[in-house]
Protein backbone atom coordinates (compact mmCIF):
# COMPACT_ATOMS: atom_id res chain seq x y z
CA MET A 1 65.41 16.49 41.18
CA GLY A 2 68.94 17.80 40.66
CA SER A 3 69.97 18.33 37.13
CA TRP A 4 72.71 15.67 37.57
CA LEU A 5 69.89 13.08 38.09
CA MET A 6 68.09 13.99 34.83
CA ARG A 7 68.39 11.98 31.62
CA PRO A 8 70.89 13.75 29.13
CA GLU A 9 68.15 13.97 26.48
CA ARG A 10 65.86 15.86 28.90
CA GLN A 11 68.64 18.19 30.14
CA GLN A 12 69.60 19.23 26.45
CA GLN A 13 65.92 19.81 25.67
CA LEU A 14 65.63 22.11 28.64
CA GLU A 15 68.72 24.03 27.69
CA LEU A 16 67.52 24.44 24.20
CA GLU A 17 64.14 25.75 25.40
CA GLN A 18 65.82 28.10 27.74
CA ARG A 19 68.19 29.38 24.98
CA HIS A 20 65.16 29.82 22.59
CA GLY A 21 63.27 31.72 25.19
CA GLN A 22 66.16 34.04 25.91
CA GLN A 23 66.54 34.60 22.05
CA GLN A 24 62.77 35.55 21.79
CA GLN A 25 63.14 37.83 24.82
CA ASP A 26 66.23 39.61 23.24
CA GLN A 27 64.46 39.85 19.93
CA SER A 28 61.37 41.39 21.48
CA HIS A 29 63.56 43.71 23.43
CA GLY A 30 65.42 44.75 20.29
CA GLN A 31 62.18 45.37 18.29
CA GLN A 32 60.82 47.55 21.06
CA GLN A 33 64.17 49.56 21.15
CA GLN A 34 63.83 50.10 17.30
CA LEU A 35 60.07 51.08 17.72
CA ASP A 36 61.04 53.54 20.40
CA GLN A 37 63.96 55.01 18.34
CA SER A 38 61.72 55.23 15.25
CA HIS A 39 59.12 57.03 17.35
CA LEU A 40 61.69 59.44 18.82
CA GLN A 41 63.13 60.23 15.31
CA GLN A 42 59.61 60.86 14.00
CA GLN A 43 58.90 63.28 17.03
CA GLN A 44 62.19 65.04 16.29
CA GLN A 45 61.41 65.37 12.67
CA GLU A 46 57.98 66.74 13.22
CA GLN A 47 59.50 69.25 15.83
CA GLN A 48 62.08 70.36 13.20
CA GLN A 49 59.27 70.80 10.58
CA GLN A 50 57.18 72.80 13.10
CA GLU A 51 60.21 75.04 13.97
CA GLN A 52 61.02 75.49 10.12
CA ARG A 53 57.35 76.49 9.50
CA GLN A 54 57.53 79.07 12.33
CA ARG A 55 60.69 80.40 11.09
CA TYR A 56 59.29 80.66 7.49
CA GLU A 57 56.28 82.47 8.88
CA GLU A 58 58.64 85.05 10.71
CA LEU A 59 60.69 85.54 7.46
CA ALA A 60 57.59 85.93 5.36
CA HIS A 61 56.38 88.63 7.78
CA LYS A 62 59.70 90.43 7.54
CA SER A 63 60.49 90.01 3.85
CA GLY A 64 57.16 90.03 2.11
CA PHE A 65 57.75 86.77 0.44
CA SER A 66 55.27 83.94 0.81
CA ARG A 67 56.32 80.80 2.66
CA LYS A 68 56.53 78.89 -0.64
CA GLN A 69 58.81 81.57 -2.11
CA ILE A 70 61.03 81.45 0.98
CA LYS A 71 61.31 77.58 0.85
CA THR A 72 62.57 77.97 -2.80
CA LEU A 73 64.87 80.69 -1.88
CA HIS A 74 66.17 78.77 1.00
CA LYS A 75 66.95 75.94 -1.19
CA ARG A 76 68.79 78.30 -3.64
CA PHE A 77 70.65 79.77 -0.76
CA ARG A 78 71.96 76.33 0.40
CA HIS A 79 72.84 75.39 -3.18
CA LEU A 80 74.75 78.73 -3.81
CA SER A 81 76.56 78.54 -0.42
CA GLY A 82 77.55 74.88 -0.76
CA ASN A 83 75.02 73.73 1.74
CA LYS A 84 76.31 76.05 4.33
CA GLU A 85 74.59 78.40 6.78
CA MET A 86 76.53 81.49 5.73
CA MET A 87 77.06 82.88 2.28
CA ARG A 88 80.14 84.88 0.89
CA ARG A 89 80.76 87.10 -2.01
CA GLU A 90 82.31 84.37 -4.13
CA HIS A 91 79.10 82.34 -3.87
CA LEU A 92 77.12 85.16 -5.72
CA ASP A 93 79.99 85.91 -7.95
CA ALA A 94 79.68 82.35 -9.46
CA ILE A 95 75.97 82.81 -10.55
CA PRO A 96 75.79 82.53 -14.35
CA GLN A 97 72.66 84.85 -14.60
CA LEU A 98 74.73 87.68 -13.19
CA SER A 99 77.73 87.23 -15.35
CA HIS A 100 76.69 89.77 -18.09
CA ASN A 101 74.79 92.13 -15.72
CA PRO A 102 76.24 95.66 -16.01
CA ILE A 103 75.83 96.29 -12.33
CA LYS A 104 77.00 92.72 -11.18
CA LYS A 105 79.50 94.18 -8.71
CA GLN A 106 76.98 96.60 -7.19
CA ILE A 107 74.31 93.93 -6.88
CA ILE A 108 76.64 91.49 -5.01
CA ASP A 109 78.06 94.41 -2.78
CA ALA A 110 74.35 95.29 -1.94
CA PHE A 111 73.81 91.85 -0.21
CA PHE A 112 76.65 92.50 2.16
CA ASP A 113 75.89 96.29 2.74
CA LYS A 114 74.57 96.79 6.26
CA ARG A 115 72.56 99.77 5.14
CA ASN A 116 70.24 97.40 3.30
CA GLN A 117 69.26 95.34 6.51
CA HIS A 118 67.07 98.24 7.90
CA GLN A 119 68.89 98.28 11.08
CA GLY A 120 70.53 101.74 10.75
CA MET A 121 74.06 100.45 10.44
CA VAL A 122 76.88 101.30 7.89
CA GLY A 123 79.74 99.09 6.67
CA SER A 124 79.65 95.52 5.17
CA TYR A 125 79.57 92.05 6.25
CA GLU A 126 81.96 89.33 5.21
CA GLU A 127 79.20 86.80 5.35
CA ILE A 128 75.40 86.87 5.38
CA THR A 129 72.75 84.52 6.74
CA LEU A 130 69.55 83.44 5.08
CA ASP A 131 67.58 86.11 6.92
CA GLN A 132 69.98 88.82 5.55
CA PHE A 133 69.84 87.27 2.09
CA LEU A 134 66.10 87.46 1.96
CA MET A 135 66.11 90.90 3.19
CA VAL A 136 67.98 92.17 0.24
CA MET A 137 66.21 89.88 -2.26
CA SER A 138 62.96 91.55 -1.05
CA HIS A 139 64.06 94.76 -2.58
CA PHE A 140 63.88 93.00 -6.05
CA ARG A 141 60.43 91.79 -5.81
CA PRO A 142 58.33 93.05 -8.82
CA LEU A 143 56.05 95.91 -7.61
CA ALA A 144 53.26 94.47 -9.82
CA HIS A 145 52.97 91.71 -7.12
CA ILE A 146 51.99 94.10 -4.48
CA SER A 147 48.43 95.21 -4.46
CA ARG A 148 48.03 97.56 -1.56
CA GLY A 149 48.95 101.23 -2.25
CA GLU A 150 50.90 102.08 0.91
CA GLU A 151 52.95 98.80 0.80
CA ARG A 152 53.60 99.46 -2.92
CA GLN A 153 54.93 102.93 -2.11
CA ALA A 154 57.11 101.60 0.83
CA ALA A 155 58.50 98.90 -1.51
CA SER A 156 59.22 101.45 -4.16
CA LYS A 157 61.04 103.70 -1.66
CA GLN A 158 63.10 100.67 -0.51
CA LYS A 159 64.10 99.84 -4.00
CA LEU A 160 65.26 103.34 -4.65
CA ARG A 161 67.07 103.34 -1.46
CA LEU A 162 68.90 100.11 -2.31
CA LEU A 163 69.69 101.67 -5.82
CA PHE A 164 71.04 104.79 -4.18
CA ASN A 165 73.26 102.90 -1.74
CA MET A 166 74.76 100.85 -4.54
CA HIS A 167 76.29 104.04 -5.90
CA ASP A 168 76.87 105.91 -2.59
CA LYS A 169 80.04 103.83 -2.10
CA ASP A 170 81.38 106.04 0.92
CA SER A 171 78.01 106.11 2.72
CA ASP A 172 77.99 109.86 3.01
CA GLY A 173 74.39 110.15 1.82
CA ILE A 174 75.28 111.79 -1.37
CA ILE A 175 75.98 110.75 -5.10
CA THR A 176 77.45 112.80 -7.92
CA LEU A 177 75.66 113.87 -11.08
CA ALA A 178 77.83 111.39 -12.98
CA GLU A 179 77.02 108.50 -10.68
CA TYR A 180 73.25 109.50 -11.02
CA ARG A 181 73.59 109.36 -14.88
CA LYS A 182 75.29 105.91 -14.53
CA VAL A 183 72.35 104.58 -12.52
CA VAL A 184 69.82 105.68 -15.15
CA GLU A 185 71.84 104.34 -18.02
CA GLU A 186 72.58 100.92 -16.45
CA LEU A 187 68.99 100.28 -15.53
CA LEU A 188 67.69 101.38 -18.85
CA CYS A 189 70.02 99.32 -20.77
CA LYS A 190 69.54 96.27 -18.61
CA SER A 191 65.61 96.51 -18.82
CA GLY A 192 65.81 95.64 -22.65
CA ASP A 193 63.26 98.33 -23.42
CA PHE A 194 65.89 100.68 -24.91
CA GLY A 195 68.87 100.29 -27.07
CA ASP A 196 72.30 101.45 -25.64
CA GLN A 197 72.20 104.81 -27.61
CA VAL A 198 68.59 105.71 -26.47
CA ALA A 199 69.43 104.70 -22.90
CA LYS A 200 72.58 106.93 -22.91
CA ALA A 201 70.51 109.84 -24.32
CA ILE A 202 67.91 109.43 -21.70
CA ALA A 203 70.53 109.22 -18.98
CA ARG A 204 72.27 112.32 -20.36
CA ALA A 205 68.96 114.18 -20.34
CA ALA A 206 68.08 113.04 -16.83
CA MET A 207 71.68 114.21 -15.68
CA LEU A 208 71.23 117.60 -17.18
CA GLU A 209 67.81 118.08 -15.61
CA ALA A 210 69.39 117.02 -12.34
CA ALA A 211 72.04 119.59 -12.87
CA ASP A 212 69.53 122.41 -13.47
CA LYS A 213 67.90 121.50 -10.25
CA ALA A 214 71.11 121.28 -8.34
CA LEU A 215 72.09 124.83 -9.52
CA ASP A 216 69.14 126.37 -7.63
CA ASP A 217 71.08 125.73 -4.46
CA PHE A 218 74.80 125.41 -3.61
CA TYR A 219 75.47 121.97 -5.08
CA GLU A 220 77.16 119.46 -2.90
CA GLY A 221 75.77 116.37 -4.54
CA ILE A 222 72.45 114.43 -4.93
CA THR A 223 70.81 113.44 -1.67
CA PHE A 224 68.39 110.39 -1.51
CA GLU A 225 65.43 112.84 -1.40
CA MET A 226 66.62 114.51 -4.49
CA PHE A 227 67.29 111.11 -6.12
CA GLN A 228 63.74 109.84 -5.24
CA LEU A 229 62.19 112.88 -6.88
CA MET A 230 64.34 112.81 -10.01
CA LEU A 231 63.64 109.17 -10.72
CA LYS A 232 59.89 109.40 -10.01
CA ALA A 233 59.02 110.01 -13.67
CA LEU A 234 61.27 107.21 -15.00
CA GLU A 235 59.87 104.58 -12.62
CA LEU A 236 63.27 102.90 -12.63
CA GLU A 237 62.47 101.05 -9.46
CA SER A 238 59.93 98.93 -11.49
CA ARG A 239 62.86 97.69 -13.65
CA MET A 240 64.73 96.40 -10.69
CA HIS A 241 64.61 92.70 -10.63
CA ILE A 242 67.03 89.86 -10.70
CA ARG A 243 66.82 86.02 -11.05
CA PHE A 244 69.08 83.58 -9.28
């Protein structure tokens, strides 16, 4: 029977039923889309978390930090950089904990010094990544947290190399006696174990001892090898630590 022969009430009822059925179908389709989208977002989130875990694992192997420490340092990096992927000098310059550090400038410069990235390069970066930030931060890890002898010796040498690079500003592999004295004095004062006058006296004695050794040969400056030997008794590398 054609719709034109139907009673008006029956035709209205059929139209209502059709509209209701279409609404239910649309609603079901929308719910399925939401479920699919939610499932996709969950998969993407899980994939991102897996990629981040793998990245933290790689960074832990390179830097010596634990994954938990890297996660904390990553958050600190993002906070200091204004939630950016790259960090600049002014970001570190704004750290309150560094404001009264006697070697603040040298510490900040060390993060951008290419020599401290173990890649055999010289010069400096304008910006650094999280990986580069962690590589320099690893030099400041307390030696007491490193148990194996070989790793401890390697970490001690890296600390001294970083310290040497801080004062070898022209990257010629040599520092002067005056710079050597400044290294000793700054670290002793910063450690808090000695007063200023005592630290200066020890630094002067260290410089004079270095001068005596230098006179044995034609003096051109203190090389890293000499620097390493001279500081061995003072164990200054054990005083190298910073908190951000």
